[in-house]
Amino acid sequence: MPLYGFHCDKCDNDVELLVSSSAKPACPNCGNETMTRLMSHIVIHGKTKAKLKAARAAAQRAGHLSNFSPSER
């Protein structure tokens, strides 16, 4: 399943969620079920490793370990 960005108009929260393309997820912050799908960011060729490192650092700060391999946890 791909990672999509969503914006909640009710609580003004932006989140990225791993959902199917046809899913209509609820906001994890307030539970609002009418979220707007955001345009995806383009990955710049040659900078993927730096982007991955930054994303993993942000996930670790937030307490999420789902995008780490078992050896990195």
PDB file of N, CA and C in Angstrom:
ATOM      1  N   MET A   1       0.844  -1.187   0.000  1.00  0.00           N
ATOM      2  CA  MET A   1       0.000   0.000   0.000  1.00  0.00           C
ATOM      3  C   MET A   1       0.882   1.241   0.000  1.00  0.00           C
ATOM      4  N   PRO A   2       0.466   2.260  -0.721  1.00  0.00           N
ATOM      5  CA  PRO A   2       1.267   3.482  -0.777  1.00  0.00           C
ATOM      6  C   PRO A   2       1.012   4.415   0.409  1.00  0.00           C
ATOM      7  N   LEU A   3       1.928   5.328   0.579  1.00  0.00           N
ATOM      8  CA  LEU A   3       1.842   6.339   1.622  1.00  0.00           C
ATOM      9  C   LEU A   3       1.239   7.597   1.019  1.00  0.00           C
ATOM     10  N   TYR A   4       0.139   8.075   1.584  1.00  0.00           N
ATOM     11  CA  TYR A   4      -0.540   9.268   1.088  1.00  0.00           C
ATOM     12  C   TYR A   4      -0.559  10.336   2.170  1.00  0.00           C
ATOM     13  N   GLY A   5      -0.492  11.583   1.736  1.00  0.00           N
ATOM     14  CA  GLY A   5      -0.616  12.711   2.648  1.00  0.00           C
ATOM     15  C   GLY A   5      -2.061  13.187   2.680  1.00  0.00           C
ATOM     16  N   PHE A   6      -2.536  13.530   3.881  1.00  0.00           N
ATOM     17  CA  PHE A   6      -3.899  14.014   4.049  1.00  0.00           C
ATOM     18  C   PHE A   6      -3.894  15.258   4.919  1.00  0.00           C
ATOM     19  N   HIS A   7      -4.907  16.117   4.697  1.00  0.00           N
ATOM     20  CA  HIS A   7      -5.088  17.317   5.514  1.00  0.00           C
ATOM     21  C   HIS A   7      -6.483  17.280   6.117  1.00  0.00           C
ATOM     22  N   CYS A   8      -6.568  17.519   7.417  1.00  0.00           N
ATOM     23  CA  CYS A   8      -7.849  17.566   8.107  1.00  0.00           C
ATOM     24  C   CYS A   8      -8.260  19.028   8.237  1.00  0.00           C
ATOM     25  N   ASP A   9      -9.408  19.373   7.659  1.00  0.00           N
ATOM     26  CA  ASP A   9      -9.892  20.751   7.734  1.00  0.00           C
ATOM     27  C   ASP A   9     -10.421  21.099   9.122  1.00  0.00           C
ATOM     28  N   LYS A  10     -10.843  20.098   9.857  1.00  0.00           N
ATOM     29  CA  LYS A  10     -11.426  20.339  11.185  1.00  0.00           C
ATOM     30  C   LYS A  10     -10.366  20.760  12.207  1.00  0.00           C
ATOM     31  N   CYS A  11      -9.243  20.031  12.259  1.00  0.00           N
ATOM     32  CA  CYS A  11      -8.207  20.352  13.257  1.00  0.00           C
ATOM     33  C   CYS A  11      -6.932  20.904  12.620  1.00  0.00           C
ATOM     34  N   ASP A  12      -6.934  21.111  11.297  1.00  0.00           N
ATOM     35  CA  ASP A  12      -5.799  21.675  10.557  1.00  0.00           C
ATOM     36  C   ASP A  12      -4.529  20.841  10.735  1.00  0.00           C
ATOM     37  N   ASN A  13      -4.703  19.525  10.726  1.00  0.00           N
ATOM     38  CA  ASN A  13      -3.608  18.584  10.924  1.00  0.00           C
ATOM     39  C   ASN A  13      -3.220  17.950   9.593  1.00  0.00           C
ATOM     40  N   ASP A  14      -1.917  17.883   9.294  1.00  0.00           N
ATOM     41  CA  ASP A  14      -1.415  17.185   8.107  1.00  0.00           C
ATOM     42  C   ASP A  14      -0.773  15.881   8.557  1.00  0.00           C
ATOM     43  N   VAL A  15      -1.158  14.771   7.915  1.00  0.00           N
ATOM     44  CA  VAL A  15      -0.617  13.462   8.270  1.00  0.00           C
ATOM     45  C   VAL A  15      -0.319  12.666   7.006  1.00  0.00           C
ATOM     46  N   GLU A  16       0.587  11.712   7.124  1.00  0.00           N
ATOM     47  CA  GLU A  16       0.848  10.759   6.056  1.00  0.00           C
ATOM     48  C   GLU A  16       0.396   9.402   6.570  1.00  0.00           C
ATOM     49  N   LEU A  17      -0.427   8.719   5.775  1.00  0.00           N
ATOM     50  CA  LEU A  17      -0.987   7.443   6.189  1.00  0.00           C
ATOM     51  C   LEU A  17      -0.742   6.387   5.121  1.00  0.00           C
ATOM     52  N   LEU A  18      -0.502   5.182   5.554  1.00  0.00           N
ATOM     53  CA  LEU A  18      -0.309   4.054   4.663  1.00  0.00           C
ATOM     54  C   LEU A  18      -1.673   3.415   4.431  1.00  0.00           C
ATOM     55  N   VAL A  19      -2.292   3.758   3.306  1.00  0.00           N
ATOM     56  CA  VAL A  19      -3.653   3.294   3.006  1.00  0.00           C
ATOM     57  C   VAL A  19      -3.754   2.913   1.535  1.00  0.00           C
ATOM     58  N   SER A  20      -4.805   2.183   1.189  1.00  0.00           N
ATOM     59  CA  SER A  20      -5.038   1.877  -0.221  1.00  0.00           C
ATOM     60  C   SER A  20      -5.519   3.140  -0.931  1.00  0.00           C
ATOM     61  N   SER A  21      -5.418   3.163  -2.236  1.00  0.00           N
ATOM     62  CA  SER A  21      -5.747   4.377  -2.992  1.00  0.00           C
ATOM     63  C   SER A  21      -7.221   4.755  -2.897  1.00  0.00           C
ATOM     64  N   SER A  22      -8.090   3.812  -2.646  1.00  0.00           N
ATOM     65  CA  SER A  22      -9.518   4.114  -2.564  1.00  0.00           C
ATOM     66  C   SER A  22     -10.006   4.357  -1.138  1.00  0.00           C
ATOM     67  N   ALA A  23      -9.130   4.228  -0.143  1.00  0.00           N
ATOM     68  CA  ALA A  23      -9.531   4.380   1.259  1.00  0.00           C
ATOM     69  C   ALA A  23      -9.846   5.839   1.601  1.00  0.00           C
ATOM     70  N   LYS A  24     -10.746   6.015   2.529  1.00  0.00           N
ATOM     71  CA  LYS A  24     -11.100   7.329   3.052  1.00  0.00           C
ATOM     72  C   LYS A  24     -10.839   7.288   4.557  1.00  0.00           C
ATOM     73  N   PRO A  25      -9.590   7.538   4.978  1.00  0.00           N
ATOM     74  CA  PRO A  25      -9.234   7.386   6.395  1.00  0.00           C
ATOM     75  C   PRO A  25      -9.779   8.522   7.258  1.00  0.00           C
ATOM     76  N   ALA A  26      -9.878   8.237   8.535  1.00  0.00           N
ATOM     77  CA  ALA A  26     -10.270   9.245   9.518  1.00  0.00           C
ATOM     78  C   ALA A  26      -9.014   9.901  10.082  1.00  0.00           C
ATOM     79  N   CYS A  27      -9.137  11.134  10.513  1.00  0.00           N
ATOM     80  CA  CYS A  27      -8.012  11.867  11.102  1.00  0.00           C
ATOM     81  C   CYS A  27      -7.596  11.199  12.408  1.00  0.00           C
ATOM     82  N   PRO A  28      -6.312  10.861  12.566  1.00  0.00           N
ATOM     83  CA  PRO A  28      -5.867  10.235  13.814  1.00  0.00           C
ATOM     84  C   PRO A  28      -5.886  11.199  14.991  1.00  0.00           C
ATOM     85  N   ASN A  29      -5.966  12.493  14.713  1.00  0.00           N
ATOM     86  CA  ASN A  29      -5.953  13.499  15.773  1.00  0.00           C
ATOM     87  C   ASN A  29      -7.347  13.754  16.341  1.00  0.00           C
ATOM     88  N   CYS A  30      -8.345  13.960  15.453  1.00  0.00           N
ATOM     89  CA  CYS A  30      -9.688  14.332  15.921  1.00  0.00           C
ATOM     90  C   CYS A  30     -10.780  13.365  15.497  1.00  0.00           C
ATOM     91  N   GLY A  31     -10.474  12.426  14.597  1.00  0.00           N
ATOM     92  CA  GLY A  31     -11.466  11.460  14.157  1.00  0.00           C
ATOM     93  C   GLY A  31     -12.323  11.910  12.984  1.00  0.00           C
ATOM     94  N   ASN A  32     -12.074  13.094  12.441  1.00  0.00           N
ATOM     95  CA  ASN A  32     -12.833  13.603  11.303  1.00  0.00           C
ATOM     96  C   ASN A  32     -12.681  12.643  10.121  1.00  0.00           C
ATOM     97  N   GLU A  33     -13.806  12.292   9.485  1.00  0.00           N
ATOM     98  CA  GLU A  33     -13.762  11.321   8.388  1.00  0.00           C
ATOM     99  C   GLU A  33     -13.718  11.964   7.012  1.00  0.00           C
ATOM    100  N   THR A  34     -13.652  13.282   6.925  1.00  0.00           N
ATOM    101  CA  THR A  34     -13.581  13.966   5.628  1.00  0.00           C
ATOM    102  C   THR A  34     -12.245  14.685   5.511  1.00  0.00           C
ATOM    103  N   MET A  35     -11.224  13.916   5.177  1.00  0.00           N
ATOM    104  CA  MET A  35      -9.896  14.480   5.012  1.00  0.00           C
ATOM    105  C   MET A  35      -9.614  14.697   3.531  1.00  0.00           C
ATOM    106  N   THR A  36      -8.797  15.702   3.230  1.00  0.00           N
ATOM    107  CA  THR A  36      -8.423  16.031   1.860  1.00  0.00           C
ATOM    108  C   THR A  36      -7.078  15.390   1.541  1.00  0.00           C
ATOM    109  N   ARG A  37      -7.004  14.657   0.429  1.00  0.00           N
ATOM    110  CA  ARG A  37      -5.733  14.052   0.026  1.00  0.00           C
ATOM    111  C   ARG A  37      -4.833  15.136  -0.553  1.00  0.00           C
ATOM    112  N   LEU A  38      -3.576  15.154  -0.118  1.00  0.00           N
ATOM    113  CA  LEU A  38      -2.616  16.149  -0.576  1.00  0.00           C
ATOM    114  C   LEU A  38      -1.818  15.619  -1.755  1.00  0.00           C
ATOM    115  N   MET A  39      -1.260  16.526  -2.525  1.00  0.00           N
ATOM    116  CA  MET A  39      -0.382  16.148  -3.625  1.00  0.00           C
ATOM    117  C   MET A  39       0.894  15.552  -3.043  1.00  0.00           C
ATOM    118  N   SER A  40       1.381  14.503  -3.663  1.00  0.00           N
ATOM    119  CA  SER A  40       2.601  13.853  -3.200  1.00  0.00           C
ATOM    120  C   SER A  40       3.820  14.678  -3.591  1.00  0.00           C
ATOM    121  N   HIS A  41       4.859  14.576  -2.779  1.00  0.00           N
ATOM    122  CA  HIS A  41       6.121  15.234  -3.080  1.00  0.00           C
ATOM    123  C   HIS A  41       6.903  14.390  -4.073  1.00  0.00           C
ATOM    124  N   ILE A  42       7.618  15.023  -4.921  1.00  0.00           N
ATOM    125  CA  ILE A  42       8.453  14.329  -5.900  1.00  0.00           C
ATOM    126  C   ILE A  42       9.787  14.002  -5.256  1.00  0.00           C
ATOM    127  N   VAL A  43      10.237  12.766  -5.431  1.00  0.00           N
ATOM    128  CA  VAL A  43      11.539  12.366  -4.908  1.00  0.00           C
ATOM    129  C   VAL A  43      12.603  12.820  -5.888  1.00  0.00           C
ATOM    130  N   ILE A  44      13.563  13.583  -5.398  1.00  0.00           N
ATOM    131  CA  ILE A  44      14.636  14.094  -6.233  1.00  0.00           C
ATOM    132  C   ILE A  44      15.692  13.010  -6.395  1.00  0.00           C
ATOM    133  N   HIS A  45      15.997  12.672  -7.641  1.00  0.00           N
ATOM    134  CA  HIS A  45      16.975  11.634  -7.921  1.00  0.00           C
ATOM    135  C   HIS A  45      18.324  12.007  -7.308  1.00  0.00           C
ATOM    136  N   GLY A  46      18.947  11.050  -6.667  1.00  0.00           N
ATOM    137  CA  GLY A  46      20.263  11.267  -6.084  1.00  0.00           C
ATOM    138  C   GLY A  46      20.219  11.700  -4.631  1.00  0.00           C
ATOM    139  N   LYS A  47      19.047  12.022  -4.131  1.00  0.00           N
ATOM    140  CA  LYS A  47      18.936  12.462  -2.747  1.00  0.00           C
ATOM    141  C   LYS A  47      18.062  11.514  -1.926  1.00  0.00           C
ATOM    142  N   THR A  48      17.775  10.346  -2.455  1.00  0.00           N
ATOM    143  CA  THR A  48      16.881   9.411  -1.795  1.00  0.00           C
ATOM    144  C   THR A  48      17.418   8.964  -0.442  1.00  0.00           C
ATOM    145  N   LYS A  49      18.709   8.675  -0.336  1.00  0.00           N
ATOM    146  CA  LYS A  49      19.277   8.218   0.930  1.00  0.00           C
ATOM    147  C   LYS A  49      19.164   9.289   2.012  1.00  0.00           C
ATOM    148  N   ALA A  50      19.391  10.536   1.656  1.00  0.00           N
ATOM    149  CA  ALA A  50      19.270  11.621   2.629  1.00  0.00           C
ATOM    150  C   ALA A  50      17.824  11.803   3.071  1.00  0.00           C
ATOM    151  N   LYS A  51      16.886  11.705   2.117  1.00  0.00           N
ATOM    152  CA  LYS A  51      15.463  11.821   2.450  1.00  0.00           C
ATOM    153  C   LYS A  51      15.032  10.674   3.362  1.00  0.00           C
ATOM    154  N   LEU A  52      15.489   9.456   3.069  1.00  0.00           N
ATOM    155  CA  LEU A  52      15.154   8.297   3.883  1.00  0.00           C
ATOM    156  C   LEU A  52      15.710   8.453   5.293  1.00  0.00           C
ATOM    157  N   LYS A  53      16.927   8.930   5.398  1.00  0.00           N
ATOM    158  CA  LYS A  53      17.545   9.135   6.705  1.00  0.00           C
ATOM    159  C   LYS A  53      16.756  10.173   7.508  1.00  0.00           C
ATOM    160  N   ALA A  54      16.343  11.269   6.860  1.00  0.00           N
ATOM    161  CA  ALA A  54      15.557  12.300   7.542  1.00  0.00           C
ATOM    162  C   ALA A  54      14.185  11.775   7.949  1.00  0.00           C
ATOM    163  N   ALA A  55      13.544  10.980   7.090  1.00  0.00           N
ATOM    164  CA  ALA A  55      12.230  10.411   7.407  1.00  0.00           C
ATOM    165  C   ALA A  55      12.324   9.438   8.569  1.00  0.00           C
ATOM    166  N   ARG A  56      13.369   8.637   8.588  1.00  0.00           N
ATOM    167  CA  ARG A  56      13.546   7.698   9.691  1.00  0.00           C
ATOM    168  C   ARG A  56      13.822   8.430  11.003  1.00  0.00           C
ATOM    169  N   ALA A  57      14.591   9.503  10.944  1.00  0.00           N
ATOM    170  CA  ALA A  57      14.860  10.283  12.151  1.00  0.00           C
ATOM    171  C   ALA A  57      13.569  10.915  12.676  1.00  0.00           C
ATOM    172  N   ALA A  58      12.737  11.438  11.776  1.00  0.00           N
ATOM    173  CA  ALA A  58      11.459  12.033  12.182  1.00  0.00           C
ATOM    174  C   ALA A  58      10.535  10.969  12.770  1.00  0.00           C
ATOM    175  N   ALA A  59      10.501   9.786  12.168  1.00  0.00           N
ATOM    176  CA  ALA A  59       9.669   8.699  12.685  1.00  0.00           C
ATOM    177  C   ALA A  59      10.148   8.252  14.056  1.00  0.00           C
ATOM    178  N   GLN A  60      11.447   8.200  14.247  1.00  0.00           N
ATOM    179  CA  GLN A  60      11.990   7.794  15.538  1.00  0.00           C
ATOM    180  C   GLN A  60      11.647   8.812  16.621  1.00  0.00           C
ATOM    181  N   ARG A  61      11.732  10.104  16.280  1.00  0.00           N
ATOM    182  CA  ARG A  61      11.367  11.142  17.246  1.00  0.00           C
ATOM    183  C   ARG A  61       9.896  11.050  17.629  1.00  0.00           C
ATOM    184  N   ALA A  62       9.056  10.646  16.664  1.00  0.00           N
ATOM    185  CA  ALA A  62       7.622  10.524  16.915  1.00  0.00           C
ATOM    186  C   ALA A  62       7.266   9.188  17.566  1.00  0.00           C
ATOM    187  N   GLY A  63       8.231   8.295  17.688  1.00  0.00           N
ATOM    188  CA  GLY A  63       7.995   7.009  18.326  1.00  0.00           C
ATOM    189  C   GLY A  63       7.503   5.921  17.395  1.00  0.00           C
ATOM    190  N   HIS A  64       7.595   6.138  16.089  1.00  0.00           N
ATOM    191  CA  HIS A  64       7.166   5.148  15.113  1.00  0.00           C
ATOM    192  C   HIS A  64       8.372   4.351  14.635  1.00  0.00           C
ATOM    193  N   LEU A  65       8.270   3.053  14.664  1.00  0.00           N
ATOM    194  CA  LEU A  65       9.367   2.206  14.217  1.00  0.00           C
ATOM    195  C   LEU A  65       8.972   1.359  13.020  1.00  0.00           C
ATOM    196  N   SER A  66       7.800   1.590  12.440  1.00  0.00           N
ATOM    197  CA  SER A  66       7.302   0.730  11.381  1.00  0.00           C
ATOM    198  C   SER A  66       8.103   0.823  10.098  1.00  0.00           C
ATOM    199  N   ASN A  67       8.832   1.921   9.867  1.00  0.00           N
ATOM    200  CA  ASN A  67       9.594   2.021   8.627  1.00  0.00           C
ATOM    201  C   ASN A  67      11.057   1.634   8.827  1.00  0.00           C
ATOM    202  N   PHE A  68      11.382   1.039   9.965  1.00  0.00           N
ATOM    203  CA  PHE A  68      12.727   0.549  10.221  1.00  0.00           C
ATOM    204  C   PHE A  68      12.758  -0.962  10.024  1.00  0.00           C
ATOM    205  N   SER A  69      13.852  -1.474   9.545  1.00  0.00           N
ATOM    206  CA  SER A  69      14.005  -2.924   9.449  1.00  0.00           C
ATOM    207  C   SER A  69      14.240  -3.481  10.863  1.00  0.00           C
ATOM    208  N   PRO A  70      14.004  -4.762  11.096  1.00  0.00           N
ATOM    209  CA  PRO A  70      14.189  -5.336  12.424  1.00  0.00           C
ATOM    210  C   PRO A  70      15.597  -5.108  12.994  1.00  0.00           C
ATOM    211  N   SER A  71      16.613  -5.102  12.137  1.00  0.00           N
ATOM    212  CA  SER A  71      17.972  -4.887  12.633  1.00  0.00           C
ATOM    213  C   SER A  71      18.216  -3.443  13.061  1.00  0.00           C
ATOM    214  N   GLU A  72      17.390  -2.505  12.593  1.00  0.00           N
ATOM    215  CA  GLU A  72      17.559  -1.098  12.947  1.00  0.00           C
ATOM    216  C   GLU A  72      16.748  -0.686  14.168  1.00  0.00           C
ATOM    217  N   ARG A  73      15.836  -1.529  14.640  1.00  0.00           N
ATOM    218  CA  ARG A  73      14.967  -1.181  15.769  1.00  0.00           C
ATOM    219  C   ARG A  73      15.685  -1.216  17.081  1.00  0.00           C
TER     220      ARG A  73
END
